[in-house]
Amino acid sequence: MKTLTPAQQAFLENPYIAVVTVLRPDGSPHSTPLWVDVDDDGVSVNTAWPRAKPRYLAADPRVSLVVVDPNDELRWLGITGTATLGEEGANEQIDRLARKYRGHDRYQSHREGETRVSVRISPSFVESRGID
């Protein structure tokens, strides 16, 4: 497993949007913009059941993530790896991300019938430009 450099980790602490790509059952890519979380254990994103992304990842855990500095498109970080899904702490994570990205204490878009899920990414490949 690859690890992030301190500069790469600091880059992800910015409220930059990530684009996450997973694979549909037919093998075609499914890409969506998401908020990204980083901590001492690495990189994760948050989504919810019964959305497509966690369903696809449960079937095929391969994932890729790219984050581009909105002020400098030549500063970016890409991660390819595998995902582990977990519900424990996912509600707290989405609230933390709402503070990071929106300045709200709580995530405002809770939908009835959804269960939050944290997607932890174990990197097999990390690449960046303009960060290190």
Protein backbone atom coordinates (compact mmCIF):
# COMPACT_ATOMS: atom_id res chain seq x y z
CA MET A 1 0.00 0.00 0.00
CA LYS A 2 1.25 3.45 -0.91
CA THR A 3 1.13 6.32 1.57
CA LEU A 4 0.71 10.03 1.02
CA THR A 5 3.57 12.41 1.56
CA PRO A 6 3.00 15.15 4.15
CA ALA A 7 2.61 17.68 1.28
CA GLN A 8 0.00 15.49 -0.43
CA GLN A 9 -1.91 15.07 2.82
CA ALA A 10 -1.82 18.85 3.40
CA PHE A 11 -3.14 19.38 -0.15
CA LEU A 12 -6.17 17.19 0.61
CA GLU A 13 -6.92 19.18 3.76
CA ASN A 14 -8.06 22.00 1.45
CA PRO A 15 -11.77 22.11 0.55
CA TYR A 16 -11.10 20.99 -3.02
CA ILE A 17 -13.65 18.76 -4.75
CA ALA A 18 -12.60 15.24 -5.69
CA VAL A 19 -13.83 13.28 -8.67
CA VAL A 20 -14.21 9.63 -7.76
CA THR A 21 -14.49 6.92 -10.38
CA VAL A 22 -15.82 3.42 -9.69
CA LEU A 23 -16.85 0.65 -12.05
CA ARG A 24 -20.39 -0.26 -13.01
CA PRO A 25 -21.29 -3.96 -13.31
CA ASP A 26 -20.70 -3.77 -17.08
CA GLY A 27 -17.17 -2.39 -16.45
CA SER A 28 -17.90 1.14 -17.62
CA PRO A 29 -16.70 4.01 -15.41
CA HIS A 30 -19.04 5.92 -13.10
CA SER A 31 -17.52 9.27 -12.03
CA THR A 32 -18.97 11.71 -9.52
CA PRO A 33 -17.75 14.80 -7.66
CA LEU A 34 -17.42 14.35 -3.90
CA TRP A 35 -15.99 15.91 -0.79
CA VAL A 36 -12.76 14.25 0.30
CA ASP A 37 -11.57 13.53 3.84
CA VAL A 38 -8.00 12.93 4.96
CA ASP A 39 -6.70 11.88 8.34
CA ASP A 40 -3.81 9.90 9.82
CA ASP A 41 -5.33 6.71 8.41
CA GLY A 42 -5.45 8.07 4.85
CA VAL A 43 -8.09 9.19 2.37
CA SER A 44 -11.83 8.60 2.40
CA VAL A 45 -15.04 9.93 0.94
CA ASN A 46 -18.63 9.70 2.10
CA THR A 47 -21.73 8.54 0.27
CA ALA A 48 -24.96 6.77 1.18
CA TRP A 49 -26.86 3.56 0.66
CA PRO A 50 -28.83 2.93 -1.58
CA ARG A 51 -26.93 5.11 -4.06
CA ALA A 52 -25.05 3.62 -7.01
CA LYS A 53 -21.50 4.27 -5.82
CA PRO A 54 -21.55 2.04 -2.71
CA ARG A 55 -23.44 -0.66 -4.62
CA TYR A 56 -20.81 -0.65 -7.35
CA LEU A 57 -17.94 -0.63 -4.82
CA ALA A 58 -19.45 -3.52 -2.89
CA ALA A 59 -19.31 -5.55 -6.12
CA ASP A 60 -15.90 -4.26 -7.30
CA PRO A 61 -13.76 -2.26 -4.82
CA ARG A 62 -11.47 -0.69 -7.43
CA VAL A 63 -11.58 3.09 -7.21
CA SER A 64 -9.75 6.15 -8.43
CA LEU A 65 -9.83 9.68 -7.11
CA VAL A 66 -8.46 12.91 -8.54
CA VAL A 67 -8.37 16.32 -6.86
CA VAL A 68 -7.43 19.48 -8.77
CA ASP A 69 -6.58 22.81 -7.15
CA PRO A 70 -9.34 25.12 -8.45
CA ASN A 71 -6.85 28.00 -8.50
CA ASP A 72 -4.14 26.13 -10.43
CA GLU A 73 -5.16 23.27 -12.71
CA LEU A 74 -1.55 22.10 -12.86
CA ARG A 75 -1.64 21.26 -9.12
CA TRP A 76 -3.38 17.94 -8.65
CA LEU A 77 -3.33 14.61 -6.86
CA GLY A 78 -4.51 11.25 -8.15
CA ILE A 79 -5.01 8.03 -6.18
CA THR A 80 -5.83 4.57 -7.51
CA GLY A 81 -6.64 1.77 -5.11
CA THR A 82 -9.30 -0.30 -3.44
CA ALA A 83 -12.20 0.77 -1.28
CA THR A 84 -13.45 -0.48 2.04
CA LEU A 85 -17.01 0.49 2.99
CA GLY A 86 -18.06 1.20 6.56
CA GLU A 87 -21.07 2.74 8.26
CA GLU A 88 -19.45 3.31 11.66
CA GLY A 89 -18.59 7.01 12.03
CA ALA A 90 -20.02 7.87 8.60
CA ASN A 91 -22.64 10.31 9.97
CA GLU A 92 -19.96 12.14 11.95
CA GLN A 93 -17.72 12.18 8.89
CA ILE A 94 -20.37 13.79 6.66
CA ASP A 95 -20.95 16.47 9.31
CA ARG A 96 -17.17 17.09 9.50
CA LEU A 97 -17.06 17.38 5.71
CA ALA A 98 -20.01 19.82 5.76
CA ARG A 99 -17.94 22.02 8.10
CA LYS A 100 -14.89 21.75 5.84
CA TYR A 101 -16.71 22.46 2.57
CA ARG A 102 -19.74 24.54 3.55
CA GLY A 103 -19.09 25.92 7.04
CA HIS A 104 -22.20 24.13 8.37
CA ASP A 105 -22.24 22.25 11.67
CA ARG A 106 -24.37 19.49 10.18
CA TYR A 107 -24.83 18.04 6.74
CA GLN A 108 -28.03 19.66 5.49
CA SER A 109 -29.08 17.10 2.88
CA HIS A 110 -29.91 14.02 4.93
CA ARG A 111 -32.46 12.07 2.93
CA GLU A 112 -34.95 9.74 4.50
CA GLY A 113 -34.11 6.12 3.77
CA GLU A 114 -30.39 6.74 3.30
CA THR A 115 -27.64 5.30 5.46
CA ARG A 116 -24.33 7.14 5.32
CA VAL A 117 -21.26 5.11 4.39
CA SER A 118 -17.61 6.04 4.61
CA VAL A 119 -15.42 4.82 1.75
CA ARG A 120 -11.81 4.35 2.86
CA ILE A 121 -9.35 4.19 -0.05
CA SER A 122 -6.25 1.98 0.25
CA PRO A 123 -3.92 3.41 -2.39
CA SER A 124 -1.98 1.17 -4.72
CA PHE A 125 -0.78 4.13 -6.79
CA VAL A 126 -0.40 7.82 -5.91
CA GLU A 127 0.64 10.52 -8.33
CA SER A 128 0.68 14.28 -8.10
CA ARG A 129 1.91 17.39 -9.81
CA GLY A 130 2.87 20.71 -8.30
CA ILE A 131 2.48 19.49 -4.71
CA ASP A 132 5.82 17.92 -3.65
